[in-house]
Amino acid sequence: MKQKSNRNPLKTILIFVVVIGAVAAGYFGSIALFQYLNPQETPQPIATNTSDPAVPDAAIEATDETEIPKSTIDDYKVAPDMPRFLSIAKLNMKARILPMGINSDGAVQAPVNIYDSGWYKGGAKPGTQGASFIDAHASGSTRQGLFAYLDTLKNGDVVSVEQGDGIVFNYKVVHSETVARDAVNMDKALRVYGDASEGLNLMTCTGKWIANERTYDQRVVVYTERV
């Protein structure tokens, strides 16, 4: 994903050129190539119907950079007990939460649009025991995405999830880490951090673009607990 504006502008231009070249060559793949829980097992994919924007194919993840109108976000509907909106006051953001499964290669799906977030259906629902897991894009090929500044969250910052019936669950950040892509522990990312009974964990990509592998070399993981 594109580097943030406060970083080296020459480096940003170079990364932008690499990414655009990768897109032109058909190499812009999923930014959510997370290692699944148990690499010794082959997970069964959860619904990969590409006609539904909520369950994208890996090849089209992060390809839609269209800003979503506030009215479209406000009109988004889900079942009463399903997660609907993700809000982070510190980042001045509110986004739809789309249900996600896993791709056939075991990668957690991520939204097509860079301004949507995706809730992994194999984890806990917000407001229930266990850890909910939400991913989103830090950028597309030319624009910063929803989680561009996820790595700026600090302990105590508040993350909110509103479900379909209007009930809001609030979480506070208790831990965050940036790790190498190959060092991501998805078992840890799908569990509550520490001794809390309910949590919400957020993830996105960061670092340098690896053109021949069609991904970035680091992941940001933010752990929260319900308050």
Protein backbone atom coordinates (compact mmCIF):
# COMPACT_ATOMS: atom_id res chain seq x y z
CA MET A 1 0.00 0.00 0.00
CA LYS A 2 0.99 3.56 -0.56
CA GLN A 3 3.28 5.18 1.95
CA LYS A 4 1.83 7.85 4.23
CA SER A 5 2.27 11.48 3.37
CA ASN A 6 4.70 12.14 6.20
CA ARG A 7 7.19 9.66 4.83
CA ASN A 8 9.96 10.11 2.28
CA PRO A 9 8.29 11.48 -0.92
CA LEU A 10 10.90 9.95 -3.24
CA LYS A 11 10.34 6.55 -1.64
CA THR A 12 6.59 7.05 -2.07
CA ILE A 13 7.02 7.78 -5.80
CA LEU A 14 9.21 4.73 -6.29
CA ILE A 15 6.76 2.46 -4.48
CA PHE A 16 3.89 3.97 -6.48
CA VAL A 17 5.68 3.19 -9.76
CA VAL A 18 6.34 -0.40 -8.66
CA VAL A 19 2.71 -0.92 -7.66
CA ILE A 20 1.33 0.58 -10.88
CA GLY A 21 3.67 -1.65 -12.86
CA ALA A 22 2.49 -4.64 -10.89
CA VAL A 23 -1.14 -3.77 -11.59
CA ALA A 24 -0.47 -3.40 -15.30
CA ALA A 25 1.19 -6.79 -15.35
CA GLY A 26 -1.71 -8.39 -13.51
CA TYR A 27 0.25 -8.85 -10.30
CA PHE A 28 -1.87 -6.81 -7.90
CA GLY A 29 -3.16 -9.58 -5.68
CA SER A 30 -4.60 -9.83 -2.20
CA ILE A 31 -3.05 -7.68 0.50
CA ALA A 32 -4.44 -10.10 3.06
CA LEU A 33 -2.16 -13.07 2.46
CA PHE A 34 -2.20 -14.10 6.09
CA GLN A 35 -1.04 -17.53 7.17
CA TYR A 36 -4.02 -19.55 8.30
CA LEU A 37 -4.38 -21.09 11.76
CA ASN A 38 -2.74 -24.42 11.02
CA PRO A 39 -0.49 -24.59 7.96
CA GLN A 40 -0.62 -28.40 8.16
CA GLU A 41 -4.33 -28.36 7.38
CA THR A 42 -6.07 -27.21 4.22
CA PRO A 43 -8.93 -24.90 5.28
CA GLN A 44 -12.24 -25.09 3.46
CA PRO A 45 -13.02 -21.78 1.76
CA ILE A 46 -16.08 -19.88 2.93
CA ALA A 47 -18.18 -18.59 0.02
CA THR A 48 -16.12 -17.10 -2.79
CA ASN A 49 -18.97 -15.88 -4.98
CA THR A 50 -17.42 -12.95 -6.82
CA SER A 51 -20.83 -11.61 -7.86
CA ASP A 52 -21.23 -10.53 -4.24
CA PRO A 53 -18.96 -7.57 -3.36
CA ALA A 54 -18.86 -8.78 0.23
CA VAL A 55 -17.03 -11.99 -0.74
CA PRO A 56 -14.37 -11.00 -3.27
CA ASP A 57 -11.96 -13.08 -5.24
CA ALA A 58 -8.36 -12.40 -4.17
CA ALA A 59 -7.54 -10.99 -7.61
CA ILE A 60 -9.96 -8.07 -7.18
CA GLU A 61 -9.35 -7.17 -3.56
CA ALA A 62 -8.40 -3.49 -3.15
CA THR A 63 -9.08 -2.71 -6.81
CA ASP A 64 -12.02 -0.35 -6.12
CA GLU A 65 -10.78 3.04 -4.96
CA THR A 66 -14.15 4.78 -5.25
CA GLU A 67 -14.99 6.82 -2.16
CA ILE A 68 -18.19 5.55 -0.58
CA PRO A 69 -20.80 8.32 -0.08
CA LYS A 70 -21.93 8.92 3.50
CA SER A 71 -25.51 8.20 2.44
CA THR A 72 -24.48 4.78 1.12
CA ILE A 73 -22.72 3.98 4.38
CA ASP A 74 -25.68 5.17 6.46
CA ASP A 75 -28.11 3.09 4.37
CA TYR A 76 -26.10 -0.12 4.75
CA LYS A 77 -28.25 -2.83 6.37
CA VAL A 78 -27.41 -6.17 8.00
CA ALA A 79 -29.21 -8.64 10.26
CA PRO A 80 -29.82 -7.35 13.82
CA ASP A 81 -27.05 -9.43 15.39
CA MET A 82 -24.45 -8.88 12.65
CA PRO A 83 -21.66 -6.23 12.69
CA ARG A 84 -22.66 -3.21 10.59
CA PHE A 85 -20.29 -0.28 11.18
CA LEU A 86 -16.71 0.12 12.36
CA SER A 87 -15.80 3.49 13.89
CA ILE A 88 -12.47 4.76 15.21
CA ALA A 89 -12.76 8.29 16.60
CA LYS A 90 -9.01 8.93 16.61
CA LEU A 91 -8.85 8.22 12.88
CA ASN A 92 -12.10 10.10 12.17
CA MET A 93 -13.47 7.10 10.29
CA LYS A 94 -16.70 5.16 9.96
CA ALA A 95 -16.97 2.24 7.56
CA ARG A 96 -19.22 -0.58 6.56
CA ILE A 97 -18.31 -4.02 7.88
CA LEU A 98 -18.66 -6.69 5.19
CA PRO A 99 -18.68 -10.41 6.03
CA MET A 100 -15.56 -12.23 4.82
CA GLY A 101 -14.48 -15.85 4.51
CA ILE A 102 -11.19 -17.30 3.34
CA ASN A 103 -9.88 -17.83 -0.16
CA SER A 104 -8.98 -21.25 -1.51
CA ASP A 105 -5.31 -20.68 -0.61
CA GLY A 106 -6.20 -20.12 3.04
CA ALA A 107 -5.87 -16.31 2.90
CA VAL A 108 -8.40 -14.29 4.84
CA GLN A 109 -10.52 -12.36 2.38
CA ALA A 110 -10.43 -8.57 2.30
CA PRO A 111 -12.87 -6.10 0.71
CA VAL A 112 -12.85 -5.03 -2.91
CA ASN A 113 -13.24 -1.37 -1.93
CA ILE A 114 -10.37 0.18 0.01
CA TYR A 115 -12.80 2.12 2.22
CA ASP A 116 -14.70 -0.94 3.48
CA SER A 117 -13.72 -3.22 6.34
CA GLY A 118 -14.15 -6.98 6.44
CA TRP A 119 -15.24 -9.14 9.39
CA TYR A 120 -13.98 -12.73 9.32
CA LYS A 121 -17.05 -14.97 9.67
CA GLY A 122 -15.01 -17.78 11.19
CA GLY A 123 -14.28 -15.71 14.30
CA ALA A 124 -16.52 -14.40 17.05
CA LYS A 125 -19.25 -11.87 16.44
CA PRO A 126 -18.63 -8.54 18.16
CA GLY A 127 -20.39 -8.53 21.51
CA THR A 128 -19.84 -12.23 22.12
CA GLN A 129 -17.10 -14.12 23.90
CA GLY A 130 -13.91 -14.60 21.97
CA ALA A 131 -12.09 -12.41 19.46
CA SER A 132 -13.64 -10.76 16.44
CA PHE A 133 -11.24 -10.17 13.54
CA ILE A 134 -11.54 -7.27 11.10
CA ASP A 135 -9.22 -6.45 8.22
CA ALA A 136 -9.12 -3.57 5.76
CA HIS A 137 -6.76 -2.06 3.23
CA ALA A 138 -4.13 0.54 4.01
CA SER A 139 -4.24 1.57 0.35
CA GLY A 140 -5.11 0.67 -3.17
CA SER A 141 -2.77 1.24 -6.07
CA THR A 142 -3.07 5.04 -5.99
CA ARG A 143 -4.96 6.10 -2.85
CA GLN A 144 -4.73 5.55 0.88
CA GLY A 145 -7.34 3.21 2.27
CA LEU A 146 -9.37 2.83 5.45
CA PHE A 147 -6.51 1.46 7.59
CA ALA A 148 -3.75 3.72 6.27
CA TYR A 149 -3.06 4.95 9.81
CA LEU A 150 -3.95 1.87 11.81
CA ASP A 151 -0.39 1.78 13.12
CA THR A 152 -0.90 5.13 14.88
CA LEU A 153 -3.38 3.69 17.38
CA LYS A 154 -2.10 3.60 20.97
CA ASN A 155 -3.16 1.76 24.10
CA GLY A 156 -6.43 3.22 25.37
CA ASP A 157 -7.70 4.40 21.99
CA VAL A 158 -11.31 3.37 21.39
CA VAL A 159 -12.68 1.26 18.54
CA SER A 160 -16.46 0.86 18.15
CA VAL A 161 -18.64 -1.64 16.35
CA GLU A 162 -22.34 -1.08 15.76
CA GLN A 163 -24.45 -4.08 14.93
CA GLY A 164 -27.60 -4.21 12.82
CA ASP A 165 -29.98 -3.45 15.67
CA GLY A 166 -28.08 -0.30 16.64
CA ILE A 167 -26.30 -1.70 19.70
CA VAL A 168 -22.74 -0.38 19.94
CA PHE A 169 -19.81 -2.31 21.40
CA ASN A 170 -16.75 -0.33 22.48
CA TYR A 171 -13.22 -1.69 22.68
CA LYS A 172 -9.96 -0.18 23.88
CA VAL A 173 -6.57 -0.85 22.33
CA VAL A 174 -4.38 -2.93 24.65
CA HIS A 175 -1.55 -3.99 22.36
CA SER A 176 -0.28 -3.45 18.81
CA GLU A 177 2.57 -4.86 16.81
CA THR A 178 4.15 -4.70 13.38
CA VAL A 179 5.60 -8.00 12.25
CA ALA A 180 7.11 -9.50 9.12
CA ARG A 181 4.53 -11.01 6.80
CA ASP A 182 5.90 -14.51 7.32
CA ALA A 183 5.93 -14.06 11.10
CA VAL A 184 2.20 -13.37 11.48
CA ASN A 185 0.67 -15.73 14.01
CA MET A 186 -2.96 -16.07 12.91
CA ASP A 187 -3.77 -18.28 15.88
CA LYS A 188 -2.82 -15.33 18.09
CA ALA A 189 -4.60 -12.80 15.84
CA LEU A 190 -7.86 -14.73 16.15
CA ARG A 191 -7.73 -14.91 19.94
CA VAL A 192 -8.44 -12.42 22.71
CA TYR A 193 -5.27 -10.70 23.91
CA GLY A 194 -4.45 -11.20 27.58
CA ASP A 195 -7.08 -12.23 30.11
CA ALA A 196 -10.11 -10.46 28.61
CA SER A 197 -13.11 -12.55 27.55
CA GLU A 198 -14.09 -10.39 24.56
CA GLY A 199 -11.84 -8.68 22.04
CA LEU A 200 -11.63 -7.18 18.58
CA ASN A 201 -8.43 -7.53 16.57
CA LEU A 202 -7.60 -5.42 13.52
CA MET A 203 -5.07 -6.10 10.78
CA THR A 204 -3.68 -4.51 7.65
CA CYS A 205 -0.52 -4.50 5.54
CA THR A 206 2.42 -2.15 5.70
CA GLY A 207 6.08 -1.93 4.73
CA LYS A 208 7.64 -2.51 1.33
CA TRP A 209 5.91 -3.86 -1.77
CA ILE A 210 7.27 -7.24 -2.92
CA ALA A 211 6.52 -7.22 -6.63
CA ASN A 212 7.23 -10.87 -7.41
CA GLU A 213 5.05 -12.05 -4.50
CA ARG A 214 2.29 -9.49 -5.01
CA THR A 215 2.15 -8.39 -1.39
CA TYR A 216 3.80 -6.23 1.28
CA ASP A 217 6.48 -7.40 3.66
CA GLN A 218 4.87 -6.47 7.01
CA ARG A 219 1.55 -6.63 8.86
CA VAL A 220 0.11 -4.36 11.54
CA VAL A 221 -1.99 -6.10 14.17
CA VAL A 222 -3.97 -4.13 16.76
CA TYR A 223 -5.49 -5.98 19.72
CA THR A 224 -8.38 -4.57 21.74
CA GLU A 225 -10.61 -5.67 24.59
CA ARG A 226 -14.23 -4.80 25.21
CA VAL A 227 -14.98 -2.03 27.71
